[in-house]
All heavy atoms as atom14 arrays in JSON, in Angstrom:
{
  "sequence": "VHFQLYCPIDDSHSNLGVKILEKNEDSFTEVKQ",
  "atom14_mask": [
    [1, 1, 1, 1, 1, 1, 1, 0, 0, 0, 0, 0, 0, 0],
    [1, 1, 1, 1, 1, 1, 1, 1, 1, 1, 0, 0, 0, 0],
    [1, 1, 1, 1, 1, 1, 1, 1, 1, 1, 1, 0, 0, 0],
    [1, 1, 1, 1, 1, 1, 1, 1, 1, 0, 0, 0, 0, 0],
    [1, 1, 1, 1, 1, 1, 1, 1, 0, 0, 0, 0, 0, 0],
    [1, 1, 1, 1, 1, 1, 1, 1, 1, 1, 1, 1, 0, 0],
    [1, 1, 1, 1, 1, 1, 0, 0, 0, 0, 0, 0, 0, 0],
    [1, 1, 1, 1, 1, 1, 1, 0, 0, 0, 0, 0, 0, 0],
    [1, 1, 1, 1, 1, 1, 1, 1, 0, 0, 0, 0, 0, 0],
    [1, 1, 1, 1, 1, 1, 1, 1, 0, 0, 0, 0, 0, 0],
    [1, 1, 1, 1, 1, 1, 1, 1, 0, 0, 0, 0, 0, 0],
    [1, 1, 1, 1, 1, 1, 0, 0, 0, 0, 0, 0, 0, 0],
    [1, 1, 1, 1, 1, 1, 1, 1, 1, 1, 0, 0, 0, 0],
    [1, 1, 1, 1, 1, 1, 0, 0, 0, 0, 0, 0, 0, 0],
    [1, 1, 1, 1, 1, 1, 1, 1, 0, 0, 0, 0, 0, 0],
    [1, 1, 1, 1, 1, 1, 1, 1, 0, 0, 0, 0, 0, 0],
    [1, 1, 1, 1, 0, 0, 0, 0, 0, 0, 0, 0, 0, 0],
    [1, 1, 1, 1, 1, 1, 1, 0, 0, 0, 0, 0, 0, 0],
    [1, 1, 1, 1, 1, 1, 1, 1, 1, 0, 0, 0, 0, 0],
    [1, 1, 1, 1, 1, 1, 1, 1, 0, 0, 0, 0, 0, 0],
    [1, 1, 1, 1, 1, 1, 1, 1, 0, 0, 0, 0, 0, 0],
    [1, 1, 1, 1, 1, 1, 1, 1, 1, 0, 0, 0, 0, 0],
    [1, 1, 1, 1, 1, 1, 1, 1, 1, 0, 0, 0, 0, 0],
    [1, 1, 1, 1, 1, 1, 1, 1, 0, 0, 0, 0, 0, 0],
    [1, 1, 1, 1, 1, 1, 1, 1, 1, 0, 0, 0, 0, 0],
    [1, 1, 1, 1, 1, 1, 1, 1, 0, 0, 0, 0, 0, 0],
    [1, 1, 1, 1, 1, 1, 0, 0, 0, 0, 0, 0, 0, 0],
    [1, 1, 1, 1, 1, 1, 1, 1, 1, 1, 1, 0, 0, 0],
    [1, 1, 1, 1, 1, 1, 1, 0, 0, 0, 0, 0, 0, 0],
    [1, 1, 1, 1, 1, 1, 1, 1, 1, 0, 0, 0, 0, 0],
    [1, 1, 1, 1, 1, 1, 1, 0, 0, 0, 0, 0, 0, 0],
    [1, 1, 1, 1, 1, 1, 1, 1, 1, 0, 0, 0, 0, 0],
    [1, 1, 1, 1, 1, 1, 1, 1, 1, 0, 0, 0, 0, 0]
  ],
  "atom14_positions": [
    [[0.84, -1.19, -0.01], [-0.01, 0.0, 0.0], [0.87, 1.22, -0.01], [1.9, 1.29, 0.69], [-0.94, 0.04, 1.24], [-1.59, 1.42, 1.38], [-2.02, -1.01, 1.14], [0.0, 0.0, 0.0], [0.0, 0.0, 0.0], [0.0, 0.0, 0.0], [0.0, 0.0, 0.0], [0.0, 0.0, 0.0], [0.0, 0.0, 0.0], [0.0, 0.0, 0.0]],
    [[0.48, 2.23, -0.77], [1.12, 3.54, -0.79], [0.06, 4.57, -0.44], [-0.92, 4.74, -1.15], [1.7, 3.82, -2.17], [2.4, 5.16, -2.26], [3.25, 5.48, -3.28], [2.4, 6.26, -1.47], [3.73, 6.7, -3.13], [3.18, 7.19, -2.04], [0.0, 0.0, 0.0], [0.0, 0.0, 0.0], [0.0, 0.0, 0.0], [0.0, 0.0, 0.0]],
    [[0.28, 5.25, 0.68], [-0.68, 6.23, 1.25], [0.02, 7.59, 1.32], [1.15, 7.68, 1.79], [-1.06, 5.74, 2.65], [-1.88, 6.7, 3.5], [-3.23, 6.46, 3.7], [-1.28, 7.77, 4.14], [-3.97, 7.33, 4.52], [-2.0, 8.62, 4.95], [-3.36, 8.39, 5.13], [0.0, 0.0, 0.0], [0.0, 0.0, 0.0], [0.0, 0.0, 0.0]],
    [[-0.65, 8.64, 0.88], [-0.03, 9.95, 0.91], [-1.06, 11.01, 1.32], [-2.17, 11.07, 0.75], [0.59, 10.31, -0.42], [1.5, 11.55, -0.38], [2.32, 11.68, -1.63], [1.84, 11.52, -2.75], [3.59, 12.01, -1.5], [0.0, 0.0, 0.0], [0.0, 0.0, 0.0], [0.0, 0.0, 0.0], [0.0, 0.0, 0.0], [0.0, 0.0, 0.0]],
    [[-0.67, 11.83, 2.28], [-1.48, 12.97, 2.73], [-0.82, 14.26, 2.27], [0.3, 14.57, 2.68], [-1.6, 12.97, 4.26], [-2.16, 14.24, 4.91], [-3.59, 14.52, 4.48], [-2.05, 14.15, 6.43], [0.0, 0.0, 0.0], [0.0, 0.0, 0.0], [0.0, 0.0, 0.0], [0.0, 0.0, 0.0], [0.0, 0.0, 0.0], [0.0, 0.0, 0.0]],
    [[-1.5, 14.98, 1.38], [-0.98, 16.28, 0.93], [-1.01, 17.28, 2.09], [-2.0, 17.39, 2.8], [-1.85, 16.84, -0.19], [-1.76, 16.14, -1.52], [-2.83, 16.18, -2.4], [-0.62, 15.43, -1.92], [-2.78, 15.57, -3.65], [-0.56, 14.82, -3.15], [-1.64, 14.88, -4.02], [-1.58, 14.28, -5.24], [0.0, 0.0, 0.0], [0.0, 0.0, 0.0]],
    [[0.09, 18.07, 2.2], [0.19, 19.02, 3.29], [0.55, 20.43, 2.84], [1.43, 21.08, 3.45], [1.22, 18.56, 4.33], [0.86, 16.97, 5.08], [0.0, 0.0, 0.0], [0.0, 0.0, 0.0], [0.0, 0.0, 0.0], [0.0, 0.0, 0.0], [0.0, 0.0, 0.0], [0.0, 0.0, 0.0], [0.0, 0.0, 0.0], [0.0, 0.0, 0.0]],
    [[-0.09, 20.96, 1.79], [0.21, 22.34, 1.4], [-0.47, 23.31, 2.35], [-1.47, 22.99, 3.0], [-0.37, 22.46, 0.0], [-1.52, 21.52, 0.02], [-1.08, 20.36, 0.89], [0.0, 0.0, 0.0], [0.0, 0.0, 0.0], [0.0, 0.0, 0.0], [0.0, 0.0, 0.0], [0.0, 0.0, 0.0], [0.0, 0.0, 0.0], [0.0, 0.0, 0.0]],
    [[0.05, 24.53, 2.4], [-0.56, 25.56, 3.26], [-1.79, 26.18, 2.59], [-2.64, 26.73, 3.24], [0.49, 26.63, 3.63], [0.04, 27.4, 4.88], [0.8, 27.54, 2.45], [1.14, 28.21, 5.53], [0.0, 0.0, 0.0], [0.0, 0.0, 0.0], [0.0, 0.0, 0.0], [0.0, 0.0, 0.0], [0.0, 0.0, 0.0], [0.0, 0.0, 0.0]],
    [[-1.85, 26.07, 1.24], [-3.0, 26.56, 0.5], [-3.12, 25.79, -0.81], [-2.36, 24.85, -1.04], [-2.9, 28.08, 0.26], [-1.63, 28.49, -0.49], [-1.22, 27.76, -1.43], [-1.02, 29.53, -0.17], [0.0, 0.0, 0.0], [0.0, 0.0, 0.0], [0.0, 0.0, 0.0], [0.0, 0.0, 0.0], [0.0, 0.0, 0.0], [0.0, 0.0, 0.0]],
    [[-4.06, 26.19, -1.66], [-4.3, 25.46, -2.91], [-3.69, 26.13, -4.13], [-4.11, 25.88, -5.25], [-5.8, 25.23, -3.12], [-6.57, 26.55, -3.24], [-5.94, 27.63, -3.19], [-7.81, 26.49, -3.36], [0.0, 0.0, 0.0], [0.0, 0.0, 0.0], [0.0, 0.0, 0.0], [0.0, 0.0, 0.0], [0.0, 0.0, 0.0], [0.0, 0.0, 0.0]],
    [[-2.67, 26.98, -3.9], [-2.09, 27.76, -5.0], [-1.26, 26.93, -5.99], [-0.95, 27.39, -7.06], [-1.21, 28.9, -4.44], [-0.13, 28.37, -3.69], [0.0, 0.0, 0.0], [0.0, 0.0, 0.0], [0.0, 0.0, 0.0], [0.0, 0.0, 0.0], [0.0, 0.0, 0.0], [0.0, 0.0, 0.0], [0.0, 0.0, 0.0], [0.0, 0.0, 0.0]],
    [[-0.92, 25.69, -5.59], [-0.11, 24.83, -6.47], [-0.85, 23.51, -6.72], [-0.25, 22.42, -6.7], [1.26, 24.57, -5.86], [2.16, 25.76, -5.85], [1.9, 26.86, -5.07], [3.28, 26.04, -6.54], [2.87, 27.76, -5.27], [3.7, 27.27, -6.17], [0.0, 0.0, 0.0], [0.0, 0.0, 0.0], [0.0, 0.0, 0.0], [0.0, 0.0, 0.0]],
    [[-2.12, 23.6, -6.97], [-2.96, 22.39, -7.15], [-2.48, 21.53, -8.3], [-2.76, 20.32, -8.34], [-4.42, 22.78, -7.33], [-4.59, 23.56, -8.5], [0.0, 0.0, 0.0], [0.0, 0.0, 0.0], [0.0, 0.0, 0.0], [0.0, 0.0, 0.0], [0.0, 0.0, 0.0], [0.0, 0.0, 0.0], [0.0, 0.0, 0.0], [0.0, 0.0, 0.0]],
    [[-1.79, 22.11, -9.27], [-1.33, 21.37, -10.45], [-0.21, 20.37, -10.12], [0.18, 19.58, -10.97], [-0.82, 22.34, -11.52], [0.38, 23.17, -11.04], [0.29, 23.84, -9.99], [1.45, 23.15, -11.77], [0.0, 0.0, 0.0], [0.0, 0.0, 0.0], [0.0, 0.0, 0.0], [0.0, 0.0, 0.0], [0.0, 0.0, 0.0], [0.0, 0.0, 0.0]],
    [[0.3, 20.41, -8.92], [1.4, 19.52, -8.54], [0.92, 18.19, -8.01], [1.7, 17.39, -7.48], [2.29, 20.2, -7.48], [2.99, 21.49, -7.91], [3.85, 22.02, -6.78], [3.82, 21.27, -9.18], [0.0, 0.0, 0.0], [0.0, 0.0, 0.0], [0.0, 0.0, 0.0], [0.0, 0.0, 0.0], [0.0, 0.0, 0.0], [0.0, 0.0, 0.0]],
    [[-0.38, 17.91, -8.15], [-0.91, 16.64, -7.65], [-0.6, 15.47, -8.57], [-0.24, 15.64, -9.75], [0.0, 0.0, 0.0], [0.0, 0.0, 0.0], [0.0, 0.0, 0.0], [0.0, 0.0, 0.0], [0.0, 0.0, 0.0], [0.0, 0.0, 0.0], [0.0, 0.0, 0.0], [0.0, 0.0, 0.0], [0.0, 0.0, 0.0], [0.0, 0.0, 0.0]],
    [[-0.73, 14.29, -8.02], [-0.45, 13.06, -8.77], [-1.49, 12.86, -9.88], [-2.66, 13.23, -9.72], [-0.4, 11.84, -7.83], [-1.79, 11.51, -7.27], [0.16, 10.61, -8.53], [0.0, 0.0, 0.0], [0.0, 0.0, 0.0], [0.0, 0.0, 0.0], [0.0, 0.0, 0.0], [0.0, 0.0, 0.0], [0.0, 0.0, 0.0], [0.0, 0.0, 0.0]],
    [[-1.04, 12.27, -10.98], [-1.92, 11.95, -12.1], [-2.06, 10.43, -12.18], [-1.05, 9.72, -12.25], [-1.41, 12.52, -13.41], [-1.4, 14.05, -13.44], [-0.94, 14.59, -14.79], [-1.03, 16.11, -14.84], [-0.62, 16.66, -16.16], [0.0, 0.0, 0.0], [0.0, 0.0, 0.0], [0.0, 0.0, 0.0], [0.0, 0.0, 0.0], [0.0, 0.0, 0.0]],
    [[-3.3, 9.96, -12.17], [-3.61, 8.54, -12.3], [-3.7, 8.24, -13.8], [-4.43, 8.88, -14.54], [-4.92, 8.19, -11.61], [-4.86, 8.55, -10.12], [-5.25, 6.72, -11.8], [-3.84, 7.8, -9.33], [0.0, 0.0, 0.0], [0.0, 0.0, 0.0], [0.0, 0.0, 0.0], [0.0, 0.0, 0.0], [0.0, 0.0, 0.0], [0.0, 0.0, 0.0]],
    [[-2.95, 7.21, -14.21], [-2.81, 6.92, -15.65], [-3.33, 5.54, -16.01], [-3.3, 4.62, -15.16], [-1.35, 7.04, -16.08], [-0.61, 8.31, -15.72], [0.86, 8.17, -16.07], [-1.22, 9.52, -16.43], [0.0, 0.0, 0.0], [0.0, 0.0, 0.0], [0.0, 0.0, 0.0], [0.0, 0.0, 0.0], [0.0, 0.0, 0.0], [0.0, 0.0, 0.0]],
    [[-3.73, 5.39, -17.25], [-4.05, 4.09, -17.8], [-3.13, 3.84, -19.0], [-3.04, 4.7, -19.89], [-5.51, 4.03, -18.27], [-5.95, 2.66, -18.74], [-7.45, 2.58, -18.99], [-8.06, 3.64, -19.29], [-7.99, 1.48, -18.91], [0.0, 0.0, 0.0], [0.0, 0.0, 0.0], [0.0, 0.0, 0.0], [0.0, 0.0, 0.0], [0.0, 0.0, 0.0]],
    [[-2.48, 2.71, -19.01], [-1.53, 2.42, -20.09], [-2.24, 1.79, -21.27], [-3.01, 0.85, -21.1], [-0.4, 1.51, -19.59], [0.73, 1.35, -20.6], [1.91, 0.59, -20.0], [3.06, 0.54, -21.01], [4.23, -0.2, -20.48], [0.0, 0.0, 0.0], [0.0, 0.0, 0.0], [0.0, 0.0, 0.0], [0.0, 0.0, 0.0], [0.0, 0.0, 0.0]],
    [[-1.92, 2.33, -22.47], [-2.45, 1.78, -23.72], [-1.28, 1.45, -24.62], [-0.76, 2.34, -25.31], [-3.37, 2.79, -24.39], [-4.46, 3.29, -23.46], [-5.27, 2.5, -23.01], [-4.46, 4.58, -23.14], [0.0, 0.0, 0.0], [0.0, 0.0, 0.0], [0.0, 0.0, 0.0], [0.0, 0.0, 0.0], [0.0, 0.0, 0.0], [0.0, 0.0, 0.0]],
    [[-0.86, 0.2, -24.57], [0.32, -0.23, -25.33], [1.53, 0.64, -24.96], [2.04, 0.54, -23.88], [0.03, -0.22, -26.83], [-1.04, -1.23, -27.23], [-1.26, -1.29, -28.73], [-0.68, -0.49, -29.47], [-2.05, -2.17, -29.15], [0.0, 0.0, 0.0], [0.0, 0.0, 0.0], [0.0, 0.0, 0.0], [0.0, 0.0, 0.0], [0.0, 0.0, 0.0]],
    [[1.94, 1.56, -25.84], [3.13, 2.38, -25.57], [2.82, 3.81, -25.15], [3.7, 4.66, -25.13], [4.04, 2.41, -26.79], [4.58, 1.02, -27.15], [4.81, 0.22, -26.21], [4.76, 0.74, -28.34], [0.0, 0.0, 0.0], [0.0, 0.0, 0.0], [0.0, 0.0, 0.0], [0.0, 0.0, 0.0], [0.0, 0.0, 0.0], [0.0, 0.0, 0.0]],
    [[1.57, 4.1, -24.82], [1.19, 5.45, -24.42], [0.33, 5.42, -23.17], [-0.08, 4.33, -22.72], [0.45, 6.16, -25.56], [-0.77, 5.49, -25.83], [0.0, 0.0, 0.0], [0.0, 0.0, 0.0], [0.0, 0.0, 0.0], [0.0, 0.0, 0.0], [0.0, 0.0, 0.0], [0.0, 0.0, 0.0], [0.0, 0.0, 0.0], [0.0, 0.0, 0.0]],
    [[0.06, 6.58, -22.6], [-0.72, 6.68, -21.38], [-1.88, 7.64, -21.56], [-1.74, 8.66, -22.24], [0.14, 7.14, -20.22], [1.22, 6.17, -19.81], [2.5, 6.29, -20.34], [0.96, 5.15, -18.92], [3.51, 5.41, -19.97], [1.95, 4.25, -18.57], [3.22, 4.39, -19.08], [0.0, 0.0, 0.0], [0.0, 0.0, 0.0], [0.0, 0.0, 0.0]],
    [[-2.99, 7.32, -20.94], [-4.15, 8.22, -20.88], [-4.31, 8.67, -19.44], [-4.3, 7.84, -18.52], [-5.43, 7.5, -21.36], [-5.26, 7.06, -22.69], [-6.62, 8.44, -21.25], [0.0, 0.0, 0.0], [0.0, 0.0, 0.0], [0.0, 0.0, 0.0], [0.0, 0.0, 0.0], [0.0, 0.0, 0.0], [0.0, 0.0, 0.0], [0.0, 0.0, 0.0]],
    [[-4.47, 9.98, -19.23], [-4.71, 10.49, -17.89], [-6.16, 10.24, -17.52], [-7.07, 10.77, -18.15], [-4.36, 11.97, -17.82], [-4.57, 12.56, -16.43], [-4.28, 14.06, -16.38], [-3.39, 14.53, -17.14], [-4.94, 14.76, -15.59], [0.0, 0.0, 0.0], [0.0, 0.0, 0.0], [0.0, 0.0, 0.0], [0.0, 0.0, 0.0], [0.0, 0.0, 0.0]],
    [[-6.39, 9.47, -16.47], [-7.72, 9.18, -16.0], [-8.23, 10.27, -15.08], [-9.37, 10.74, -15.16], [-7.76, 7.8, -15.28], [-9.14, 7.52, -14.69], [-7.37, 6.69, -16.25], [0.0, 0.0, 0.0], [0.0, 0.0, 0.0], [0.0, 0.0, 0.0], [0.0, 0.0, 0.0], [0.0, 0.0, 0.0], [0.0, 0.0, 0.0], [0.0, 0.0, 0.0]],
    [[-7.37, 10.73, -14.19], [-7.74, 11.81, -13.28], [-6.47, 12.39, -12.66], [-5.42, 11.73, -12.63], [-8.67, 11.34, -12.17], [-8.04, 10.39, -11.17], [-8.97, 9.99, -10.03], [-10.04, 9.04, -10.49], [-10.82, 8.48, -9.35], [0.0, 0.0, 0.0], [0.0, 0.0, 0.0], [0.0, 0.0, 0.0], [0.0, 0.0, 0.0], [0.0, 0.0, 0.0]],
    [[-6.57, 13.62, -12.17], [-5.5, 14.18, -11.36], [-6.04, 14.47, -9.98], [-7.16, 15.02, -9.85], [-4.96, 15.49, -11.98], [-3.82, 16.08, -11.16], [-3.16, 17.27, -11.82], [-3.75, 17.97, -12.65], [-1.9, 17.5, -11.48], [0.0, 0.0, 0.0], [0.0, 0.0, 0.0], [0.0, 0.0, 0.0], [0.0, 0.0, 0.0], [0.0, 0.0, 0.0]]
  ]
}
């Protein structure tokens, strides 16, 4: 299991979150961030 709690002081860098991906042969599709 990998568990992570984000601890920013505000939401000004929301783009730095993890992206969940689905692999399609040799490429990836972003499912959600």
